[in-house]
Amino acid sequence: MLHDRLLVKAVPDTSERRSNAGLVIPDTVRLATRLAWGEVVGAGTSARQVKTGDRVLFDPEEQNEVELNSERYVILRERDVHAVANEAPEQGRGTGLYL
């Protein structure tokens, strides 16, 4: 990877959504652009805040897709990442997410 680019394996969102009234909203209904989660599998040498193995939150509209070995990946700039999930926060510190 070059500079601040990240190679991210997108995690498909298979979760079921419900309205406030309890109605099931099928995945085919597009209400608004939703952010997506992915796992960083490669990071450029200039990436400062994100490293390989991190779970990141990004906008699916701001992506460039590439297919490697029949797997779909997304190439992002580090600045396009909205949040990084921390799976094991340090002894009760924080909420598990950091920007």
PDB file of N, CA and C in Angstrom:
ATOM      1  N   MET A   1       0.845  -1.172   0.000  1.00  0.00           N
ATOM      2  CA  MET A   1       0.000   0.000   0.000  1.00  0.00           C
ATOM      3  C   MET A   1       0.892   1.237   0.000  1.00  0.00           C
ATOM      4  N   LEU A   2       0.402   2.277  -0.619  1.00  0.00           N
ATOM      5  CA  LEU A   2       1.176   3.500  -0.748  1.00  0.00           C
ATOM      6  C   LEU A   2       0.633   4.610   0.142  1.00  0.00           C
ATOM      7  N   HIS A   3       1.531   5.352   0.718  1.00  0.00           N
ATOM      8  CA  HIS A   3       1.246   6.562   1.485  1.00  0.00           C
ATOM      9  C   HIS A   3       0.216   6.306   2.590  1.00  0.00           C
ATOM     10  N   ASP A   4      -0.906   7.030   2.596  1.00  0.00           N
ATOM     11  CA  ASP A   4      -1.895   6.905   3.670  1.00  0.00           C
ATOM     12  C   ASP A   4      -3.071   6.028   3.262  1.00  0.00           C
ATOM     13  N   ARG A   5      -2.904   5.210   2.268  1.00  0.00           N
ATOM     14  CA  ARG A   5      -3.998   4.350   1.781  1.00  0.00           C
ATOM     15  C   ARG A   5      -4.147   3.115   2.664  1.00  0.00           C
ATOM     16  N   LEU A   6      -5.390   2.648   2.756  1.00  0.00           N
ATOM     17  CA  LEU A   6      -5.717   1.454   3.533  1.00  0.00           C
ATOM     18  C   LEU A   6      -6.420   0.457   2.633  1.00  0.00           C
ATOM     19  N   LEU A   7      -6.091  -0.807   2.771  1.00  0.00           N
ATOM     20  CA  LEU A   7      -6.793  -1.881   2.085  1.00  0.00           C
ATOM     21  C   LEU A   7      -7.718  -2.509   3.121  1.00  0.00           C
ATOM     22  N   VAL A   8      -9.030  -2.412   2.886  1.00  0.00           N
ATOM     23  CA  VAL A   8     -10.028  -2.810   3.869  1.00  0.00           C
ATOM     24  C   VAL A   8     -10.904  -3.904   3.284  1.00  0.00           C
ATOM     25  N   LYS A   9     -11.105  -4.969   4.059  1.00  0.00           N
ATOM     26  CA  LYS A   9     -12.046  -6.018   3.682  1.00  0.00           C
ATOM     27  C   LYS A   9     -13.387  -5.647   4.291  1.00  0.00           C
ATOM     28  N   ALA A  10     -14.351  -5.339   3.443  1.00  0.00           N
ATOM     29  CA  ALA A  10     -15.660  -4.893   3.914  1.00  0.00           C
ATOM     30  C   ALA A  10     -16.403  -6.040   4.570  1.00  0.00           C
ATOM     31  N   VAL A  11     -17.002  -5.750   5.705  1.00  0.00           N
ATOM     32  CA  VAL A  11     -17.815  -6.724   6.432  1.00  0.00           C
ATOM     33  C   VAL A  11     -19.265  -6.494   6.012  1.00  0.00           C
ATOM     34  N   PRO A  12     -19.907  -7.481   5.391  1.00  0.00           N
ATOM     35  CA  PRO A  12     -21.297  -7.272   4.952  1.00  0.00           C
ATOM     36  C   PRO A  12     -22.235  -7.083   6.133  1.00  0.00           C
ATOM     37  N   ASP A  13     -23.165  -6.141   5.990  1.00  0.00           N
ATOM     38  CA  ASP A  13     -24.136  -5.850   7.041  1.00  0.00           C
ATOM     39  C   ASP A  13     -25.350  -6.740   6.832  1.00  0.00           C
ATOM     40  N   THR A  14     -25.440  -7.791   7.623  1.00  0.00           N
ATOM     41  CA  THR A  14     -26.559  -8.721   7.507  1.00  0.00           C
ATOM     42  C   THR A  14     -27.562  -8.529   8.629  1.00  0.00           C
ATOM     43  N   SER A  15     -27.378  -7.459   9.372  1.00  0.00           N
ATOM     44  CA  SER A  15     -28.280  -7.236  10.500  1.00  0.00           C
ATOM     45  C   SER A  15     -29.659  -6.801  10.015  1.00  0.00           C
ATOM     46  N   GLU A  16     -30.641  -7.190  10.759  1.00  0.00           N
ATOM     47  CA  GLU A  16     -32.027  -6.843  10.455  1.00  0.00           C
ATOM     48  C   GLU A  16     -32.345  -5.516  11.126  1.00  0.00           C
ATOM     49  N   ARG A  17     -32.969  -4.612  10.388  1.00  0.00           N
ATOM     50  CA  ARG A  17     -33.321  -3.316  10.948  1.00  0.00           C
ATOM     51  C   ARG A  17     -34.801  -3.291  11.283  1.00  0.00           C
ATOM     52  N   ARG A  18     -35.118  -2.557  12.326  1.00  0.00           N
ATOM     53  CA  ARG A  18     -36.513  -2.393  12.740  1.00  0.00           C
ATOM     54  C   ARG A  18     -36.810  -0.911  12.925  1.00  0.00           C
ATOM     55  N   SER A  19     -38.064  -0.537  12.627  1.00  0.00           N
ATOM     56  CA  SER A  19     -38.491   0.844  12.855  1.00  0.00           C
ATOM     57  C   SER A  19     -38.820   1.017  14.330  1.00  0.00           C
ATOM     58  N   ASN A  20     -39.112   2.248  14.731  1.00  0.00           N
ATOM     59  CA  ASN A  20     -39.482   2.520  16.124  1.00  0.00           C
ATOM     60  C   ASN A  20     -40.760   1.782  16.515  1.00  0.00           C
ATOM     61  N   ALA A  21     -41.638   1.528  15.548  1.00  0.00           N
ATOM     62  CA  ALA A  21     -42.891   0.827  15.817  1.00  0.00           C
ATOM     63  C   ALA A  21     -42.714  -0.685  15.827  1.00  0.00           C
ATOM     64  N   GLY A  22     -41.516  -1.179  15.512  1.00  0.00           N
ATOM     65  CA  GLY A  22     -41.261  -2.610  15.538  1.00  0.00           C
ATOM     66  C   GLY A  22     -41.401  -3.289  14.186  1.00  0.00           C
ATOM     67  N   LEU A  23     -41.630  -2.530  13.123  1.00  0.00           N
ATOM     68  CA  LEU A  23     -41.750  -3.122  11.792  1.00  0.00           C
ATOM     69  C   LEU A  23     -40.372  -3.478  11.251  1.00  0.00           C
ATOM     70  N   VAL A  24     -40.258  -4.637  10.614  1.00  0.00           N
ATOM     71  CA  VAL A  24     -38.998  -5.076  10.030  1.00  0.00           C
ATOM     72  C   VAL A  24     -38.781  -4.331   8.715  1.00  0.00           C
ATOM     73  N   ILE A  25     -37.614  -3.734   8.556  1.00  0.00           N
ATOM     74  CA  ILE A  25     -37.262  -3.025   7.329  1.00  0.00           C
ATOM     75  C   ILE A  25     -36.311  -3.914   6.539  1.00  0.00           C
ATOM     76  N   PRO A  26     -36.719  -4.381   5.355  1.00  0.00           N
ATOM     77  CA  PRO A  26     -35.835  -5.254   4.578  1.00  0.00           C
ATOM     78  C   PRO A  26     -34.586  -4.519   4.120  1.00  0.00           C
ATOM     79  N   ASP A  27     -33.545  -5.289   3.849  1.00  0.00           N
ATOM     80  CA  ASP A  27     -32.269  -4.725   3.442  1.00  0.00           C
ATOM     81  C   ASP A  27     -32.365  -4.043   2.075  1.00  0.00           C
ATOM     82  N   THR A  28     -33.360  -4.390   1.273  1.00  0.00           N
ATOM     83  CA  THR A  28     -33.499  -3.809  -0.060  1.00  0.00           C
ATOM     84  C   THR A  28     -33.982  -2.364  -0.011  1.00  0.00           C
ATOM     85  N   VAL A  29     -34.558  -1.944   1.101  1.00  0.00           N
ATOM     86  CA  VAL A  29     -35.025  -0.565   1.252  1.00  0.00           C
ATOM     87  C   VAL A  29     -33.832   0.302   1.633  1.00  0.00           C
ATOM     88  N   ARG A  30     -33.605   1.334   0.878  1.00  0.00           N
ATOM     89  CA  ARG A  30     -32.471   2.224   1.148  1.00  0.00           C
ATOM     90  C   ARG A  30     -33.013   3.526   1.722  1.00  0.00           C
ATOM     91  N   LEU A  31     -32.903   3.688   3.024  1.00  0.00           N
ATOM     92  CA  LEU A  31     -33.402   4.887   3.690  1.00  0.00           C
ATOM     93  C   LEU A  31     -32.423   6.049   3.559  1.00  0.00           C
ATOM     94  N   ALA A  32     -31.198   5.805   3.845  1.00  0.00           N
ATOM     95  CA  ALA A  32     -30.157   6.823   3.774  1.00  0.00           C
ATOM     96  C   ALA A  32     -28.820   6.103   3.682  1.00  0.00           C
ATOM     97  N   THR A  33     -27.811   6.835   3.359  1.00  0.00           N
ATOM     98  CA  THR A  33     -26.491   6.233   3.298  1.00  0.00           C
ATOM     99  C   THR A  33     -26.051   5.842   4.700  1.00  0.00           C
ATOM    100  N   ARG A  34     -25.711   4.579   4.850  1.00  0.00           N
ATOM    101  CA  ARG A  34     -25.257   4.086   6.145  1.00  0.00           C
ATOM    102  C   ARG A  34     -23.766   3.858   6.092  1.00  0.00           C
ATOM    103  N   LEU A  35     -23.111   4.088   7.195  1.00  0.00           N
ATOM    104  CA  LEU A  35     -21.689   3.801   7.287  1.00  0.00           C
ATOM    105  C   LEU A  35     -21.490   2.305   7.409  1.00  0.00           C
ATOM    106  N   ALA A  36     -20.356   1.811   6.956  1.00  0.00           N
ATOM    107  CA  ALA A  36     -20.087   0.374   6.950  1.00  0.00           C
ATOM    108  C   ALA A  36     -18.818   0.076   7.744  1.00  0.00           C
ATOM    109  N   TRP A  37     -18.754  -1.129   8.292  1.00  0.00           N
ATOM    110  CA  TRP A  37     -17.587  -1.591   9.031  1.00  0.00           C
ATOM    111  C   TRP A  37     -16.712  -2.426   8.113  1.00  0.00           C
ATOM    112  N   GLY A  38     -15.421  -2.397   8.355  1.00  0.00           N
ATOM    113  CA  GLY A  38     -14.484  -3.218   7.605  1.00  0.00           C
ATOM    114  C   GLY A  38     -13.241  -3.476   8.437  1.00  0.00           C
ATOM    115  N   GLU A  39     -12.460  -4.448   7.997  1.00  0.00           N
ATOM    116  CA  GLU A  39     -11.226  -4.797   8.691  1.00  0.00           C
ATOM    117  C   GLU A  39     -10.041  -4.420   7.821  1.00  0.00           C
ATOM    118  N   VAL A  40      -9.082  -3.709   8.395  1.00  0.00           N
ATOM    119  CA  VAL A  40      -7.901  -3.274   7.666  1.00  0.00           C
ATOM    120  C   VAL A  40      -6.971  -4.467   7.483  1.00  0.00           C
ATOM    121  N   VAL A  41      -6.664  -4.799   6.226  1.00  0.00           N
ATOM    122  CA  VAL A  41      -5.753  -5.902   5.948  1.00  0.00           C
ATOM    123  C   VAL A  41      -4.406  -5.406   5.427  1.00  0.00           C
ATOM    124  N   GLY A  42      -4.313  -4.114   5.140  1.00  0.00           N
ATOM    125  CA  GLY A  42      -3.053  -3.524   4.708  1.00  0.00           C
ATOM    126  C   GLY A  42      -3.087  -2.027   4.914  1.00  0.00           C
ATOM    127  N   ALA A  43      -1.957  -1.462   5.338  1.00  0.00           N
ATOM    128  CA  ALA A  43      -1.878  -0.021   5.577  1.00  0.00           C
ATOM    129  C   ALA A  43      -0.596   0.518   4.963  1.00  0.00           C
ATOM    130  N   GLY A  44      -0.686   1.710   4.387  1.00  0.00           N
ATOM    131  CA  GLY A  44       0.477   2.358   3.794  1.00  0.00           C
ATOM    132  C   GLY A  44       1.472   2.817   4.849  1.00  0.00           C
ATOM    133  N   THR A  45       2.647   3.192   4.385  1.00  0.00           N
ATOM    134  CA  THR A  45       3.709   3.582   5.314  1.00  0.00           C
ATOM    135  C   THR A  45       3.431   4.900   6.018  1.00  0.00           C
ATOM    136  N   SER A  46       2.577   5.750   5.449  1.00  0.00           N
ATOM    137  CA  SER A  46       2.278   7.043   6.061  1.00  0.00           C
ATOM    138  C   SER A  46       1.003   7.035   6.903  1.00  0.00           C
ATOM    139  N   ALA A  47       0.356   5.895   7.041  1.00  0.00           N
ATOM    140  CA  ALA A  47      -0.848   5.802   7.889  1.00  0.00           C
ATOM    141  C   ALA A  47      -0.405   5.914   9.342  1.00  0.00           C
ATOM    142  N   ARG A  48      -0.958   6.905  10.063  1.00  0.00           N
ATOM    143  CA  ARG A  48      -0.506   7.178  11.423  1.00  0.00           C
ATOM    144  C   ARG A  48      -1.414   6.611  12.499  1.00  0.00           C
ATOM    145  N   GLN A  49      -2.732   6.641  12.293  1.00  0.00           N
ATOM    146  CA  GLN A  49      -3.666   6.269  13.349  1.00  0.00           C
ATOM    147  C   GLN A  49      -4.241   4.864  13.182  1.00  0.00           C
ATOM    148  N   VAL A  50      -4.157   4.302  11.999  1.00  0.00           N
ATOM    149  CA  VAL A  50      -4.777   3.012  11.704  1.00  0.00           C
ATOM    150  C   VAL A  50      -3.692   2.015  11.355  1.00  0.00           C
ATOM    151  N   LYS A  51      -3.848   0.782  11.855  1.00  0.00           N
ATOM    152  CA  LYS A  51      -2.872  -0.259  11.544  1.00  0.00           C
ATOM    153  C   LYS A  51      -3.599  -1.522  11.090  1.00  0.00           C
ATOM    154  N   THR A  52      -2.867  -2.443  10.554  1.00  0.00           N
ATOM    155  CA  THR A  52      -3.434  -3.698  10.083  1.00  0.00           C
ATOM    156  C   THR A  52      -4.108  -4.433  11.233  1.00  0.00           C
ATOM    157  N   GLY A  53      -5.320  -4.923  10.978  1.00  0.00           N
ATOM    158  CA  GLY A  53      -6.075  -5.644  11.990  1.00  0.00           C
ATOM    159  C   GLY A  53      -7.151  -4.817  12.670  1.00  0.00           C
ATOM    160  N   ASP A  54      -7.138  -3.490  12.500  1.00  0.00           N
ATOM    161  CA  ASP A  54      -8.150  -2.622  13.107  1.00  0.00           C
ATOM    162  C   ASP A  54      -9.482  -2.757  12.387  1.00  0.00           C
ATOM    163  N   ARG A  55     -10.574  -2.570  13.130  1.00  0.00           N
ATOM    164  CA  ARG A  55     -11.922  -2.468  12.542  1.00  0.00           C
ATOM    165  C   ARG A  55     -12.227  -0.997  12.368  1.00  0.00           C
ATOM    166  N   VAL A  56     -12.596  -0.610  11.136  1.00  0.00           N
ATOM    167  CA  VAL A  56     -12.818   0.805  10.842  1.00  0.00           C
ATOM    168  C   VAL A  56     -14.235   1.021  10.320  1.00  0.00           C
ATOM    169  N   LEU A  57     -14.732   2.229  10.543  1.00  0.00           N
ATOM    170  CA  LEU A  57     -16.047   2.654  10.079  1.00  0.00           C
ATOM    171  C   LEU A  57     -15.830   3.654   8.956  1.00  0.00           C
ATOM    172  N   PHE A  58     -16.449   3.397   7.783  1.00  0.00           N
ATOM    173  CA  PHE A  58     -16.249   4.271   6.639  1.00  0.00           C
ATOM    174  C   PHE A  58     -17.545   4.423   5.862  1.00  0.00           C
ATOM    175  N   ASP A  59     -17.587   5.428   4.998  1.00  0.00           N
ATOM    176  CA  ASP A  59     -18.743   5.695   4.151  1.00  0.00           C
ATOM    177  C   ASP A  59     -18.604   4.872   2.868  1.00  0.00           C
ATOM    178  N   PRO A  60     -19.558   3.993   2.568  1.00  0.00           N
ATOM    179  CA  PRO A  60     -19.462   3.159   1.369  1.00  0.00           C
ATOM    180  C   PRO A  60     -19.454   3.961   0.073  1.00  0.00           C
ATOM    181  N   GLU A  61     -19.919   5.198   0.097  1.00  0.00           N
ATOM    182  CA  GLU A  61     -19.926   6.022  -1.112  1.00  0.00           C
ATOM    183  C   GLU A  61     -18.532   6.542  -1.451  1.00  0.00           C
ATOM    184  N   GLU A  62     -17.646   6.618  -0.480  1.00  0.00           N
ATOM    185  CA  GLU A  62     -16.290   7.138  -0.681  1.00  0.00           C
ATOM    186  C   GLU A  62     -15.291   5.997  -0.782  1.00  0.00           C
ATOM    187  N   GLN A  63     -15.493   5.103  -1.723  1.00  0.00           N
ATOM    188  CA  GLN A  63     -14.628   3.946  -1.779  1.00  0.00           C
ATOM    189  C   GLN A  63     -14.236   3.611  -3.205  1.00  0.00           C
ATOM    190  N   ASN A  64     -13.118   2.936  -3.326  1.00  0.00           N
ATOM    191  CA  ASN A  64     -12.662   2.366  -4.580  1.00  0.00           C
ATOM    192  C   ASN A  64     -12.533   0.876  -4.345  1.00  0.00           C
ATOM    193  N   GLU A  65     -13.242   0.090  -5.129  1.00  0.00           N
ATOM    194  CA  GLU A  65     -13.234  -1.354  -4.934  1.00  0.00           C
ATOM    195  C   GLU A  65     -12.178  -2.009  -5.807  1.00  0.00           C
ATOM    196  N   VAL A  66     -11.625  -3.077  -5.286  1.00  0.00           N
ATOM    197  CA  VAL A  66     -10.662  -3.882  -6.029  1.00  0.00           C
ATOM    198  C   VAL A  66     -10.912  -5.342  -5.654  1.00  0.00           C
ATOM    199  N   GLU A  67     -10.681  -6.241  -6.602  1.00  0.00           N
ATOM    200  CA  GLU A  67     -10.877  -7.664  -6.328  1.00  0.00           C
ATOM    201  C   GLU A  67      -9.529  -8.364  -6.419  1.00  0.00           C
ATOM    202  N   LEU A  68      -9.156  -9.036  -5.334  1.00  0.00           N
ATOM    203  CA  LEU A  68      -7.910  -9.782  -5.261  1.00  0.00           C
ATOM    204  C   LEU A  68      -8.211 -11.201  -4.836  1.00  0.00           C
ATOM    205  N   ASN A  69      -7.795 -12.170  -5.633  1.00  0.00           N
ATOM    206  CA  ASN A  69      -8.032 -13.583  -5.327  1.00  0.00           C
ATOM    207  C   ASN A  69      -9.505 -13.847  -5.044  1.00  0.00           C
ATOM    208  N   SER A  70     -10.373 -13.307  -5.867  1.00  0.00           N
ATOM    209  CA  SER A  70     -11.838 -13.433  -5.796  1.00  0.00           C
ATOM    210  C   SER A  70     -12.425 -12.921  -4.469  1.00  0.00           C
ATOM    211  N   GLU A  71     -11.718 -12.027  -3.787  1.00  0.00           N
ATOM    212  CA  GLU A  71     -12.205 -11.365  -2.579  1.00  0.00           C
ATOM    213  C   GLU A  71     -12.371  -9.885  -2.888  1.00  0.00           C
ATOM    214  N   ARG A  72     -13.444  -9.259  -2.371  1.00  0.00           N
ATOM    215  CA  ARG A  72     -13.693  -7.839  -2.604  1.00  0.00           C
ATOM    216  C   ARG A  72     -13.073  -7.017  -1.481  1.00  0.00           C
ATOM    217  N   TYR A  73     -12.252  -6.048  -1.870  1.00  0.00           N
ATOM    218  CA  TYR A  73     -11.602  -5.145  -0.927  1.00  0.00           C
ATOM    219  C   TYR A  73     -11.922  -3.702  -1.310  1.00  0.00           C
ATOM    220  N   VAL A  74     -11.723  -2.805  -0.368  1.00  0.00           N
ATOM    221  CA  VAL A  74     -11.952  -1.387  -0.571  1.00  0.00           C
ATOM    222  C   VAL A  74     -10.642  -0.657  -0.283  1.00  0.00           C
ATOM    223  N   ILE A  75     -10.304   0.315  -1.129  1.00  0.00           N
ATOM    224  CA  ILE A  75      -9.129   1.149  -0.891  1.00  0.00           C
ATOM    225  C   ILE A  75      -9.609   2.519  -0.428  1.00  0.00           C
ATOM    226  N   LEU A  76      -9.142   2.933   0.744  1.00  0.00           N
ATOM    227  CA  LEU A  76      -9.547   4.204   1.351  1.00  0.00           C
ATOM    228  C   LEU A  76      -8.320   5.020   1.714  1.00  0.00           C
ATOM    229  N   ARG A  77      -8.497   6.313   1.817  1.00  0.00           N
ATOM    230  CA  ARG A  77      -7.488   7.151   2.443  1.00  0.00           C
ATOM    231  C   ARG A  77      -7.738   7.122   3.942  1.00  0.00           C
ATOM    232  N   GLU A  78      -6.713   7.317   4.717  1.00  0.00           N
ATOM    233  CA  GLU A  78      -6.868   7.295   6.167  1.00  0.00           C
ATOM    234  C   GLU A  78      -7.835   8.378   6.631  1.00  0.00           C
ATOM    235  N   ARG A  79      -7.866   9.505   5.959  1.00  0.00           N
ATOM    236  CA  ARG A  79      -8.753  10.594   6.363  1.00  0.00           C
ATOM    237  C   ARG A  79     -10.225  10.284   6.108  1.00  0.00           C
ATOM    238  N   ASP A  80     -10.537   9.262   5.281  1.00  0.00           N
ATOM    239  CA  ASP A  80     -11.913   8.868   5.010  1.00  0.00           C
ATOM    240  C   ASP A  80     -12.480   7.920   6.057  1.00  0.00           C
ATOM    241  N   VAL A  81     -11.676   7.513   7.012  1.00  0.00           N
ATOM    242  CA  VAL A  81     -12.124   6.636   8.090  1.00  0.00           C
ATOM    243  C   VAL A  81     -12.807   7.493   9.151  1.00  0.00           C
ATOM    244  N   HIS A  82     -14.030   7.117   9.532  1.00  0.00           N
ATOM    245  CA  HIS A  82     -14.789   7.883  10.520  1.00  0.00           C
ATOM    246  C   HIS A  82     -14.456   7.476  11.952  1.00  0.00           C
ATOM    247  N   ALA A  83     -14.164   6.200  12.175  1.00  0.00           N
ATOM    248  CA  ALA A  83     -13.852   5.728  13.527  1.00  0.00           C
ATOM    249  C   ALA A  83     -13.086   4.424  13.439  1.00  0.00           C
ATOM    250  N   VAL A  84     -12.366   4.110  14.499  1.00  0.00           N
ATOM    251  CA  VAL A  84     -11.646   2.850  14.626  1.00  0.00           C
ATOM    252  C   VAL A  84     -12.142   2.180  15.896  1.00  0.00           C
ATOM    253  N   ALA A  85     -12.570   0.917  15.783  1.00  0.00           N
ATOM    254  CA  ALA A  85     -13.087   0.185  16.942  1.00  0.00           C
ATOM    255  C   ALA A  85     -11.933  -0.472  17.678  1.00  0.00           C
ATOM    256  N   ASN A  86     -11.968  -0.371  18.979  1.00  0.00           N
ATOM    257  CA  ASN A  86     -10.993  -1.004  19.837  1.00  0.00           C
ATOM    258  C   ASN A  86     -11.696  -2.171  20.516  1.00  0.00           C
ATOM    259  N   GLU A  87     -11.349  -3.381  20.145  1.00  0.00           N
ATOM    260  CA  GLU A  87     -12.040  -4.576  20.654  1.00  0.00           C
ATOM    261  C   GLU A  87     -11.757  -4.827  22.132  1.00  0.00           C
ATOM    262  N   ALA A  88     -10.578  -4.475  22.600  1.00  0.00           N
ATOM    263  CA  ALA A  88     -10.213  -4.732  23.996  1.00  0.00           C
ATOM    264  C   ALA A  88      -9.744  -3.432  24.648  1.00  0.00           C
ATOM    265  N   PRO A  89     -10.684  -2.605  25.130  1.00  0.00           N
ATOM    266  CA  PRO A  89     -10.268  -1.346  25.758  1.00  0.00           C
ATOM    267  C   PRO A  89      -9.437  -1.616  27.009  1.00  0.00           C
ATOM    268  N   GLU A  90      -8.538  -0.694  27.301  1.00  0.00           N
ATOM    269  CA  GLU A  90      -7.629  -0.856  28.435  1.00  0.00           C
ATOM    270  C   GLU A  90      -8.353  -0.664  29.755  1.00  0.00           C
ATOM    271  N   GLN A  91      -8.512  -1.679  30.514  1.00  0.00           N
ATOM    272  CA  GLN A  91      -9.037  -1.678  31.887  1.00  0.00           C
ATOM    273  C   GLN A  91     -10.126  -0.632  32.139  1.00  0.00           C
ATOM    274  N   GLY A  92     -11.218  -0.733  31.408  1.00  0.00           N
ATOM    275  CA  GLY A  92     -12.371   0.121  31.653  1.00  0.00           C
ATOM    276  C   GLY A  92     -12.258   1.525  31.110  1.00  0.00           C
ATOM    277  N   ARG A  93     -11.227   1.824  30.363  1.00  0.00           N
ATOM    278  CA  ARG A  93     -11.085   3.165  29.780  1.00  0.00           C
ATOM    279  C   ARG A  93     -11.879   3.270  28.495  1.00  0.00           C
ATOM    280  N   GLY A  94     -12.574   4.347  28.311  1.00  0.00           N
ATOM    281  CA  GLY A  94     -13.206   4.660  27.041  1.00  0.00           C
ATOM    282  C   GLY A  94     -14.435   3.827  26.732  1.00  0.00           C
ATOM    283  N   THR A  95     -14.956   4.051  25.548  1.00  0.00           N
ATOM    284  CA  THR A  95     -16.191   3.394  25.120  1.00  0.00           C
ATOM    285  C   THR A  95     -15.924   2.236  24.179  1.00  0.00           C
ATOM    286  N   GLY A  96     -14.701   2.033  23.769  1.00  0.00           N
ATOM    287  CA  GLY A  96     -14.386   0.992  22.808  1.00  0.00           C
ATOM    288  C   GLY A  96     -14.192   1.541  21.417  1.00  0.00           C
ATOM    289  N   LEU A  97     -14.467   2.824  21.202  1.00  0.00           N
ATOM    290  CA  LEU A  97     -14.236   3.465  19.913  1.00  0.00           C
ATOM    291  C   LEU A  97     -13.338   4.662  20.121  1.00  0.00           C
ATOM    292  N   TYR A  98     -12.435   4.893  19.189  1.00  0.00           N
ATOM    293  CA  TYR A  98     -11.641   6.100  19.225  1.00  0.00           C
ATOM    294  C   TYR A  98     -11.529   6.651  17.818  1.00  0.00           C
ATOM    295  N   LEU A  99     -11.353   7.941  17.710  1.00  0.00           N
ATOM    296  CA  LEU A  99     -11.265   8.597  16.399  1.00  0.00           C
ATOM    297  C   LEU A  99      -9.825   8.888  16.056  1.00  0.00           C
TER     298      LEU A  99
END
